[in-house]
Amino acid sequence: PQVLVANTRLLTPDNQLFRISQRVEIPVGGQVEVWAQADQPGTEYISQPTNLTIPGLWEGLQSMIYAQSKDGLKMQSIPKYTVSQNNLDTVEQQIKNQAETEALTKINSLLPDNLKITPDRLFINYQTISASPLNQESAQTTLRQKITAHGLIFDQSDLVKASQEKFQNQLQGNEALLDFDDKNITYRVLEMNSEKGEVILEVAVSGFISSQAGHIAVDKEKIIGLSQEEIAAYLNSVGIDRFQIYFFPRWLKTAPKFTDHIIIK
């Protein structure tokens, strides 16, 4: 690549001198567009399309690195560009979008199917190295960042197993797990230590538990003679929302009048 500093000289075949307005870096085998300004005022600098040499380069390079005015040299004001916060925000968002896509692809390329991650398991840290100063006159806005990406990798079945064990360990001694919902587990990251490869998750789970017989807060005296609907309302009022009610014989429509005929299990 060849760097040309601002004010680098350009020379026409008839020795008219121009200078470029800004620093540019020309890639190998490529080209860049740059404004050039006549070294002196005067209409004699107006010309047809032409090639211009760069006299400041070694003569052996001048045939390979040169300038070309495709539309001719004419009188025209050089536009002024100023770096704004909106420019920097736009560049930053472009970097973020590219980083997320590349990081996700790279991490998943190293993992088997059962461990591949989704975007919500991707954590990226951005460290700005340099940025165009605000209000600087420049046709380009640049932002350089160091980007570090981490993936939260685990088998979903391991999360379900650990969550169910944690759920069961928190039950009281008189409680038992009836049903565990392993389809609707959600979590959020509370803390991540990338150096140790550890993460602390807050996991939300749901399930149905029951108390052992004799510990259910049901007063048999209060359901004597009640209908099925009235019994259901009472159970709801004491915090029980999952139950089954049976009458025996089947033709009975209300609870017995004696508590020893009412069985709770």
C-alpha atoms as a PDB file:
ATOM      1  CA  PRO A   1       0.000   0.000   0.000  1.00  0.00           C
ATOM      2  CA  GLN A   2       1.162   3.528  -0.769  1.00  0.00           C
ATOM      3  CA  VAL A   3       0.414   6.445   1.584  1.00  0.00           C
ATOM      4  CA  LEU A   4       0.173   9.936   0.110  1.00  0.00           C
ATOM      5  CA  VAL A   5       0.134  12.754   2.634  1.00  0.00           C
ATOM      6  CA  ALA A   6      -1.995  15.881   2.290  1.00  0.00           C
ATOM      7  CA  ASN A   7      -0.507  18.383  -0.200  1.00  0.00           C
ATOM      8  CA  THR A   8       1.216  15.643  -2.203  1.00  0.00           C
ATOM      9  CA  ARG A   9       2.054  17.168  -5.620  1.00  0.00           C
ATOM     10  CA  LEU A  10       0.434  16.047  -8.885  1.00  0.00           C
ATOM     11  CA  LEU A  11       1.883  17.159 -12.212  1.00  0.00           C
ATOM     12  CA  THR A  12       0.077  17.325 -15.569  1.00  0.00           C
ATOM     13  CA  PRO A  13       1.868  16.549 -18.868  1.00  0.00           C
ATOM     14  CA  ASP A  14       2.160  20.324 -19.479  1.00  0.00           C
ATOM     15  CA  ASN A  15       3.707  20.862 -16.013  1.00  0.00           C
ATOM     16  CA  GLN A  16       0.649  22.303 -14.279  1.00  0.00           C
ATOM     17  CA  LEU A  17       1.014  21.600 -10.539  1.00  0.00           C
ATOM     18  CA  PHE A  18      -1.831  20.423  -8.270  1.00  0.00           C
ATOM     19  CA  ARG A  19      -1.884  19.222  -4.663  1.00  0.00           C
ATOM     20  CA  ILE A  20      -4.182  16.666  -3.053  1.00  0.00           C
ATOM     21  CA  SER A  21      -6.355  17.947  -0.204  1.00  0.00           C
ATOM     22  CA  GLN A  22      -6.035  15.069   2.297  1.00  0.00           C
ATOM     23  CA  ARG A  23      -3.982  12.049   3.290  1.00  0.00           C
ATOM     24  CA  VAL A  24      -4.922   8.856   1.447  1.00  0.00           C
ATOM     25  CA  GLU A  25      -3.734   5.257   1.477  1.00  0.00           C
ATOM     26  CA  ILE A  26      -3.804   3.495  -1.882  1.00  0.00           C
ATOM     27  CA  PRO A  27      -4.289  -0.286  -1.619  1.00  0.00           C
ATOM     28  CA  VAL A  28      -2.163  -2.643  -3.676  1.00  0.00           C
ATOM     29  CA  GLY A  29      -3.638  -2.825  -7.169  1.00  0.00           C
ATOM     30  CA  GLY A  30      -6.455  -0.470  -6.149  1.00  0.00           C
ATOM     31  CA  GLN A  31      -7.408   3.175  -6.321  1.00  0.00           C
ATOM     32  CA  VAL A  32      -8.941   5.934  -4.207  1.00  0.00           C
ATOM     33  CA  GLU A  33     -10.684   9.191  -5.032  1.00  0.00           C
ATOM     34  CA  VAL A  34      -9.222  12.446  -3.723  1.00  0.00           C
ATOM     35  CA  TRP A  35      -9.704  16.163  -4.300  1.00  0.00           C
ATOM     36  CA  ALA A  36      -6.863  18.077  -5.980  1.00  0.00           C
ATOM     37  CA  GLN A  37      -6.354  21.834  -5.944  1.00  0.00           C
ATOM     38  CA  ALA A  38      -4.326  23.952  -8.366  1.00  0.00           C
ATOM     39  CA  ASP A  39      -1.089  25.243  -6.897  1.00  0.00           C
ATOM     40  CA  GLN A  40      -1.902  28.755  -8.196  1.00  0.00           C
ATOM     41  CA  PRO A  41      -5.135  30.509  -9.223  1.00  0.00           C
ATOM     42  CA  GLY A  42      -5.881  30.797 -12.943  1.00  0.00           C
ATOM     43  CA  THR A  43      -8.040  29.400 -15.708  1.00  0.00           C
ATOM     44  CA  GLU A  44      -4.963  27.850 -17.343  1.00  0.00           C
ATOM     45  CA  TYR A  45      -5.294  24.980 -14.853  1.00  0.00           C
ATOM     46  CA  ILE A  46      -8.583  23.894 -16.450  1.00  0.00           C
ATOM     47  CA  SER A  47      -7.896  20.861 -18.668  1.00  0.00           C
ATOM     48  CA  GLN A  48      -9.400  17.837 -20.368  1.00  0.00           C
ATOM     49  CA  PRO A  49      -9.185  14.304 -18.866  1.00  0.00           C
ATOM     50  CA  THR A  50      -5.518  13.485 -18.318  1.00  0.00           C
ATOM     51  CA  ASN A  51      -3.017  11.500 -16.252  1.00  0.00           C
ATOM     52  CA  LEU A  52      -0.864  13.219 -13.642  1.00  0.00           C
ATOM     53  CA  THR A  53       2.433  11.976 -12.283  1.00  0.00           C
ATOM     54  CA  ILE A  54       3.526  12.181  -8.649  1.00  0.00           C
ATOM     55  CA  PRO A  55       6.950  13.812  -8.788  1.00  0.00           C
ATOM     56  CA  GLY A  56       7.664  13.145  -5.150  1.00  0.00           C
ATOM     57  CA  LEU A  57       7.822   9.390  -5.791  1.00  0.00           C
ATOM     58  CA  TRP A  58      10.871   7.507  -6.954  1.00  0.00           C
ATOM     59  CA  GLU A  59      10.929   7.677 -10.746  1.00  0.00           C
ATOM     60  CA  GLY A  60      10.586   3.903 -11.059  1.00  0.00           C
ATOM     61  CA  LEU A  61       7.245   4.055  -9.219  1.00  0.00           C
ATOM     62  CA  GLN A  62       5.730   6.964 -11.110  1.00  0.00           C
ATOM     63  CA  SER A  63       4.487   4.745 -13.950  1.00  0.00           C
ATOM     64  CA  MET A  64       2.696   2.448 -11.462  1.00  0.00           C
ATOM     65  CA  ILE A  65       1.413   5.013  -8.953  1.00  0.00           C
ATOM     66  CA  TYR A  66      -0.152   8.030 -10.601  1.00  0.00           C
ATOM     67  CA  ALA A  67      -3.289  10.169 -10.695  1.00  0.00           C
ATOM     68  CA  GLN A  68      -5.983  10.246 -13.332  1.00  0.00           C
ATOM     69  CA  SER A  69      -8.551  12.971 -13.932  1.00  0.00           C
ATOM     70  CA  LYS A  70     -11.359  11.099 -15.652  1.00  0.00           C
ATOM     71  CA  ASP A  71     -13.615  14.123 -16.133  1.00  0.00           C
ATOM     72  CA  GLY A  72     -10.921  16.740 -16.602  1.00  0.00           C
ATOM     73  CA  LEU A  73      -9.718  19.429 -14.214  1.00  0.00           C
ATOM     74  CA  LYS A  74     -12.211  22.242 -13.699  1.00  0.00           C
ATOM     75  CA  MET A  75     -13.151  24.979 -11.263  1.00  0.00           C
ATOM     76  CA  GLN A  76     -15.156  23.545  -8.398  1.00  0.00           C
ATOM     77  CA  SER A  77     -15.348  24.140  -4.659  1.00  0.00           C
ATOM     78  CA  ILE A  78     -14.096  21.369  -2.401  1.00  0.00           C
ATOM     79  CA  PRO A  79     -17.039  20.288  -0.198  1.00  0.00           C
ATOM     80  CA  LYS A  80     -16.594  20.476   3.550  1.00  0.00           C
ATOM     81  CA  TYR A  81     -17.383  17.428   5.684  1.00  0.00           C
ATOM     82  CA  THR A  82     -17.558  17.503   9.465  1.00  0.00           C
ATOM     83  CA  VAL A  83     -17.544  14.477  11.778  1.00  0.00           C
ATOM     84  CA  SER A  84     -20.740  14.390  13.852  1.00  0.00           C
ATOM     85  CA  GLN A  85     -21.951  12.223  16.734  1.00  0.00           C
ATOM     86  CA  ASN A  86     -24.459  10.696  14.341  1.00  0.00           C
ATOM     87  CA  ASN A  87     -21.574   9.638  12.074  1.00  0.00           C
ATOM     88  CA  LEU A  88     -19.801   7.946  14.991  1.00  0.00           C
ATOM     89  CA  ASP A  89     -23.024   6.250  16.148  1.00  0.00           C
ATOM     90  CA  THR A  90     -23.611   4.915  12.636  1.00  0.00           C
ATOM     91  CA  VAL A  91     -20.088   3.517  12.361  1.00  0.00           C
ATOM     92  CA  GLU A  92     -20.347   1.996  15.846  1.00  0.00           C
ATOM     93  CA  GLN A  93     -23.611   0.241  14.929  1.00  0.00           C
ATOM     94  CA  GLN A  94     -22.044  -1.121  11.741  1.00  0.00           C
ATOM     95  CA  ILE A  95     -19.152  -2.544  13.757  1.00  0.00           C
ATOM     96  CA  LYS A  96     -21.573  -4.040  16.282  1.00  0.00           C
ATOM     97  CA  ASN A  97     -23.667  -5.741  13.606  1.00  0.00           C
ATOM     98  CA  GLN A  98     -20.596  -7.199  11.925  1.00  0.00           C
ATOM     99  CA  ALA A  99     -19.043  -8.313  15.221  1.00  0.00           C
ATOM    100  CA  GLU A 100     -22.193 -10.112  16.377  1.00  0.00           C
ATOM    101  CA  THR A 101     -22.557 -11.963  13.085  1.00  0.00           C
ATOM    102  CA  GLU A 102     -18.904 -12.977  12.852  1.00  0.00           C
ATOM    103  CA  ALA A 103     -18.603 -13.935  16.536  1.00  0.00           C
ATOM    104  CA  LEU A 104     -21.728 -16.108  16.450  1.00  0.00           C
ATOM    105  CA  THR A 105     -20.569 -17.846  13.274  1.00  0.00           C
ATOM    106  CA  LYS A 106     -17.048 -18.392  14.620  1.00  0.00           C
ATOM    107  CA  ILE A 107     -18.146 -19.780  17.991  1.00  0.00           C
ATOM    108  CA  ASN A 108     -20.771 -22.100  16.500  1.00  0.00           C
ATOM    109  CA  SER A 109     -18.276 -23.425  13.959  1.00  0.00           C
ATOM    110  CA  LEU A 110     -16.345 -24.896  16.898  1.00  0.00           C
ATOM    111  CA  LEU A 111     -19.335 -26.534  18.614  1.00  0.00           C
ATOM    112  CA  PRO A 112     -21.427 -29.677  18.076  1.00  0.00           C
ATOM    113  CA  ASP A 113     -25.116 -29.168  17.290  1.00  0.00           C
ATOM    114  CA  ASN A 114     -26.344 -29.712  20.858  1.00  0.00           C
ATOM    115  CA  LEU A 115     -24.132 -26.868  22.146  1.00  0.00           C
ATOM    116  CA  LYS A 116     -24.565 -24.240  19.415  1.00  0.00           C
ATOM    117  CA  ILE A 117     -25.569 -20.876  20.831  1.00  0.00           C
ATOM    118  CA  THR A 118     -28.188 -18.313  19.881  1.00  0.00           C
ATOM    119  CA  PRO A 119     -27.635 -14.509  19.859  1.00  0.00           C
ATOM    120  CA  ASP A 120     -28.978 -14.169  23.424  1.00  0.00           C
ATOM    121  CA  ARG A 121     -26.061 -16.315  24.638  1.00  0.00           C
ATOM    122  CA  LEU A 122     -23.475 -14.063  22.994  1.00  0.00           C
ATOM    123  CA  PHE A 123     -21.692 -11.451  25.111  1.00  0.00           C
ATOM    124  CA  ILE A 124     -19.413  -8.906  23.437  1.00  0.00           C
ATOM    125  CA  ASN A 125     -17.136  -6.311  24.990  1.00  0.00           C
ATOM    126  CA  TYR A 126     -16.143  -3.271  22.930  1.00  0.00           C
ATOM    127  CA  GLN A 127     -13.035  -1.199  23.712  1.00  0.00           C
ATOM    128  CA  THR A 128     -12.519   1.911  21.586  1.00  0.00           C
ATOM    129  CA  ILE A 129      -8.920   2.314  20.411  1.00  0.00           C
ATOM    130  CA  SER A 130      -9.330   5.477  18.344  1.00  0.00           C
ATOM    131  CA  ALA A 131     -12.080   7.548  16.723  1.00  0.00           C
ATOM    132  CA  SER A 132     -12.396  10.576  14.503  1.00  0.00           C
ATOM    133  CA  PRO A 133     -12.635  13.695  16.703  1.00  0.00           C
ATOM    134  CA  LEU A 134     -16.038  15.354  16.783  1.00  0.00           C
ATOM    135  CA  ASN A 135     -16.373  18.394  14.486  1.00  0.00           C
ATOM    136  CA  GLN A 136     -13.175  17.482  12.638  1.00  0.00           C
ATOM    137  CA  GLU A 137     -13.257  18.377   8.955  1.00  0.00           C
ATOM    138  CA  SER A 138     -13.036  15.018   7.195  1.00  0.00           C
ATOM    139  CA  ALA A 139     -14.798  13.209   4.374  1.00  0.00           C
ATOM    140  CA  GLN A 140     -14.561   9.957   6.357  1.00  0.00           C
ATOM    141  CA  THR A 141     -15.438   8.936   9.882  1.00  0.00           C
ATOM    142  CA  THR A 142     -13.288   6.189  11.373  1.00  0.00           C
ATOM    143  CA  LEU A 143     -13.609   4.139  14.550  1.00  0.00           C
ATOM    144  CA  ARG A 144     -11.205   1.413  15.686  1.00  0.00           C
ATOM    145  CA  GLN A 145     -12.300  -0.983  18.422  1.00  0.00           C
ATOM    146  CA  LYS A 146     -10.925  -4.038  20.160  1.00  0.00           C
ATOM    147  CA  ILE A 147     -13.708  -6.597  20.353  1.00  0.00           C
ATOM    148  CA  THR A 148     -13.850  -9.595  22.687  1.00  0.00           C
ATOM    149  CA  ALA A 149     -16.707 -12.089  22.353  1.00  0.00           C
ATOM    150  CA  HIS A 150     -17.783 -14.814  24.776  1.00  0.00           C
ATOM    151  CA  GLY A 151     -20.407 -17.472  24.269  1.00  0.00           C
ATOM    152  CA  LEU A 152     -22.540 -18.894  27.068  1.00  0.00           C
ATOM    153  CA  ILE A 153     -22.303 -22.590  26.188  1.00  0.00           C
ATOM    154  CA  PHE A 154     -24.253 -25.389  27.871  1.00  0.00           C
ATOM    155  CA  ASP A 155     -26.477 -28.318  27.009  1.00  0.00           C
ATOM    156  CA  GLN A 156     -30.136 -27.440  27.579  1.00  0.00           C
ATOM    157  CA  SER A 157     -30.707 -30.811  29.244  1.00  0.00           C
ATOM    158  CA  ASP A 158     -28.030 -29.960  31.826  1.00  0.00           C
ATOM    159  CA  LEU A 159     -29.788 -26.690  32.630  1.00  0.00           C
ATOM    160  CA  VAL A 160     -33.112 -28.530  33.064  1.00  0.00           C
ATOM    161  CA  LYS A 161     -31.527 -31.146  35.314  1.00  0.00           C
ATOM    162  CA  ALA A 162     -29.707 -28.598  37.493  1.00  0.00           C
ATOM    163  CA  SER A 163     -32.812 -26.395  37.749  1.00  0.00           C
ATOM    164  CA  GLN A 164     -35.032 -29.300  38.774  1.00  0.00           C
ATOM    165  CA  GLU A 165     -32.531 -30.423  41.425  1.00  0.00           C
ATOM    166  CA  LYS A 166     -32.278 -26.873  42.772  1.00  0.00           C
ATOM    167  CA  PHE A 167     -36.083 -26.596  42.790  1.00  0.00           C
ATOM    168  CA  GLN A 168     -36.467 -29.853  44.711  1.00  0.00           C
ATOM    169  CA  ASN A 169     -33.769 -28.938  47.238  1.00  0.00           C
ATOM    170  CA  GLN A 170     -35.703 -25.792  48.154  1.00  0.00           C
ATOM    171  CA  LEU A 171     -38.921 -27.654  48.966  1.00  0.00           C
ATOM    172  CA  GLN A 172     -39.995 -27.942  52.578  1.00  0.00           C
ATOM    173  CA  GLY A 173     -39.792 -31.313  54.291  1.00  0.00           C
ATOM    174  CA  ASN A 174     -43.544 -31.830  53.997  1.00  0.00           C
ATOM    175  CA  GLU A 175     -43.661 -30.992  50.282  1.00  0.00           C
ATOM    176  CA  ALA A 176     -43.194 -33.143  47.177  1.00  0.00           C
ATOM    177  CA  LEU A 177     -42.709 -32.232  43.522  1.00  0.00           C
ATOM    178  CA  LEU A 178     -45.648 -33.425  41.419  1.00  0.00           C
ATOM    179  CA  ASP A 179     -44.782 -31.909  38.064  1.00  0.00           C
ATOM    180  CA  PHE A 180     -41.838 -29.879  36.697  1.00  0.00           C
ATOM    181  CA  ASP A 181     -42.226 -27.705  33.573  1.00  0.00           C
ATOM    182  CA  ASP A 182     -39.032 -28.318  31.589  1.00  0.00           C
ATOM    183  CA  LYS A 183     -40.287 -26.539  28.441  1.00  0.00           C
ATOM    184  CA  ASN A 184     -40.604 -22.975  29.699  1.00  0.00           C
ATOM    185  CA  ILE A 185     -37.371 -22.376  31.610  1.00  0.00           C
ATOM    186  CA  THR A 186     -36.051 -18.828  31.306  1.00  0.00           C
ATOM    187  CA  TYR A 187     -32.896 -17.300  32.696  1.00  0.00           C
ATOM    188  CA  ARG A 188     -30.842 -14.127  32.858  1.00  0.00           C
ATOM    189  CA  VAL A 189     -27.141 -13.659  33.485  1.00  0.00           C
ATOM    190  CA  LEU A 190     -26.333 -12.093  36.856  1.00  0.00           C
ATOM    191  CA  GLU A 191     -22.555 -12.353  36.692  1.00  0.00           C
ATOM    192  CA  MET A 192     -19.963 -13.645  34.239  1.00  0.00           C
ATOM    193  CA  ASN A 193     -16.288 -14.371  34.895  1.00  0.00           C
ATOM    194  CA  SER A 194     -14.740 -15.048  31.494  1.00  0.00           C
ATOM    195  CA  GLU A 195     -11.299 -15.735  32.991  1.00  0.00           C
ATOM    196  CA  LYS A 196     -12.631 -18.594  35.123  1.00  0.00           C
ATOM    197  CA  GLY A 197     -15.208 -19.656  32.564  1.00  0.00           C
ATOM    198  CA  GLU A 198     -17.991 -19.291  35.130  1.00  0.00           C
ATOM    199  CA  VAL A 199     -21.405 -17.674  35.037  1.00  0.00           C
ATOM    200  CA  ILE A 200     -24.156 -17.134  37.592  1.00  0.00           C
ATOM    201  CA  LEU A 201     -27.684 -17.453  36.227  1.00  0.00           C
ATOM    202  CA  GLU A 202     -31.025 -16.520  37.701  1.00  0.00           C
ATOM    203  CA  VAL A 203     -33.372 -19.228  36.435  1.00  0.00           C
ATOM    204  CA  ALA A 204     -37.163 -18.988  36.463  1.00  0.00           C
ATOM    205  CA  VAL A 205     -38.934 -22.341  36.637  1.00  0.00           C
ATOM    206  CA  SER A 206     -42.430 -23.542  37.427  1.00  0.00           C
ATOM    207  CA  GLY A 207     -43.891 -26.739  38.763  1.00  0.00           C
ATOM    208  CA  PHE A 208     -46.618 -28.224  40.924  1.00  0.00           C
ATOM    209  CA  ILE A 209     -45.926 -29.311  44.483  1.00  0.00           C
ATOM    210  CA  SER A 210     -48.087 -30.986  47.096  1.00  0.00           C
ATOM    211  CA  SER A 211     -47.942 -31.258  50.848  1.00  0.00           C
ATOM    212  CA  GLN A 212     -48.070 -34.619  52.548  1.00  0.00           C
ATOM    213  CA  ALA A 213     -51.405 -35.775  54.058  1.00  0.00           C
ATOM    214  CA  GLY A 214     -52.066 -34.149  57.403  1.00  0.00           C
ATOM    215  CA  HIS A 215     -50.201 -31.004  56.458  1.00  0.00           C
ATOM    216  CA  ILE A 216     -52.691 -29.623  53.963  1.00  0.00           C
ATOM    217  CA  ALA A 217     -54.372 -26.542  55.395  1.00  0.00           C
ATOM    218  CA  VAL A 218     -57.934 -27.850  54.994  1.00  0.00           C
ATOM    219  CA  ASP A 219     -60.477 -27.596  57.806  1.00  0.00           C
ATOM    220  CA  LYS A 220     -62.929 -30.479  57.358  1.00  0.00           C
ATOM    221  CA  GLU A 221     -65.478 -28.697  59.527  1.00  0.00           C
ATOM    222  CA  LYS A 222     -65.743 -25.951  56.872  1.00  0.00           C
ATOM    223  CA  ILE A 223     -66.668 -28.271  54.005  1.00  0.00           C
ATOM    224  CA  ILE A 224     -69.356 -30.290  55.746  1.00  0.00           C
ATOM    225  CA  GLY A 225     -72.457 -30.341  53.562  1.00  0.00           C
ATOM    226  CA  LEU A 226     -70.896 -28.218  50.764  1.00  0.00           C
ATOM    227  CA  SER A 227     -71.470 -28.837  47.064  1.00  0.00           C
ATOM    228  CA  GLN A 228     -68.599 -29.529  44.679  1.00  0.00           C
ATOM    229  CA  GLU A 229     -68.535 -25.871  43.557  1.00  0.00           C
ATOM    230  CA  GLU A 230     -68.553 -24.652  47.167  1.00  0.00           C
ATOM    231  CA  ILE A 231     -65.724 -27.025  48.117  1.00  0.00           C
ATOM    232  CA  ALA A 232     -63.679 -25.783  45.137  1.00  0.00           C
ATOM    233  CA  ALA A 233     -64.227 -22.181  46.210  1.00  0.00           C
ATOM    234  CA  TYR A 234     -63.081 -22.985  49.745  1.00  0.00           C
ATOM    235  CA  LEU A 235     -59.943 -24.777  48.554  1.00  0.00           C
ATOM    236  CA  ASN A 236     -59.079 -21.806  46.373  1.00  0.00           C
ATOM    237  CA  SER A 237     -59.515 -19.479  49.323  1.00  0.00           C
ATOM    238  CA  VAL A 238     -56.854 -21.351  51.319  1.00  0.00           C
ATOM    239  CA  GLY A 239     -54.378 -21.264  48.438  1.00  0.00           C
ATOM    240  CA  ILE A 240     -54.989 -24.661  46.827  1.00  0.00           C
ATOM    241  CA  ASP A 241     -55.685 -24.369  43.119  1.00  0.00           C
ATOM    242  CA  ARG A 242     -55.089 -27.919  41.905  1.00  0.00           C
ATOM    243  CA  PHE A 243     -57.268 -30.682  43.309  1.00  0.00           C
ATOM    244  CA  GLN A 244     -59.784 -33.421  42.519  1.00  0.00           C
ATOM    245  CA  ILE A 245     -63.075 -33.940  44.321  1.00  0.00           C
ATOM    246  CA  TYR A 246     -64.874 -37.300  44.439  1.00  0.00           C
ATOM    247  CA  PHE A 247     -68.269 -38.161  45.966  1.00  0.00           C
ATOM    248  CA  PHE A 248     -69.144 -41.677  47.081  1.00  0.00           C
ATOM    249  CA  PRO A 249     -71.644 -43.004  46.424  1.00  0.00           C
ATOM    250  CA  ARG A 250     -71.602 -41.163  43.089  1.00  0.00           C
ATOM    251  CA  TRP A 251     -75.176 -39.945  43.421  1.00  0.00           C
ATOM    252  CA  LEU A 252     -74.250 -37.724  46.384  1.00  0.00           C
ATOM    253  CA  LYS A 253     -74.104 -34.010  45.521  1.00  0.00           C
ATOM    254  CA  THR A 254     -72.746 -32.638  48.803  1.00  0.00           C
ATOM    255  CA  ALA A 255     -70.025 -33.493  51.289  1.00  0.00           C
ATOM    256  CA  PRO A 256     -70.849 -35.763  54.261  1.00  0.00           C
ATOM    257  CA  LYS A 257     -72.126 -34.249  57.509  1.00  0.00           C
ATOM    258  CA  PHE A 258     -69.481 -36.034  59.595  1.00  0.00           C
ATOM    259  CA  THR A 259     -65.777 -35.123  59.359  1.00  0.00           C
ATOM    260  CA  ASP A 260     -64.650 -38.736  59.735  1.00  0.00           C
ATOM    261  CA  HIS A 261     -66.433 -39.441  56.436  1.00  0.00           C
ATOM    262  CA  ILE A 262     -64.341 -36.821  54.635  1.00  0.00           C
ATOM    263  CA  ILE A 263     -60.982 -38.128  53.361  1.00  0.00           C
ATOM    264  CA  ILE A 264     -58.170 -35.787  52.327  1.00  0.00           C
ATOM    265  CA  LYS A 265     -55.058 -37.151  50.637  1.00  0.00           C
END
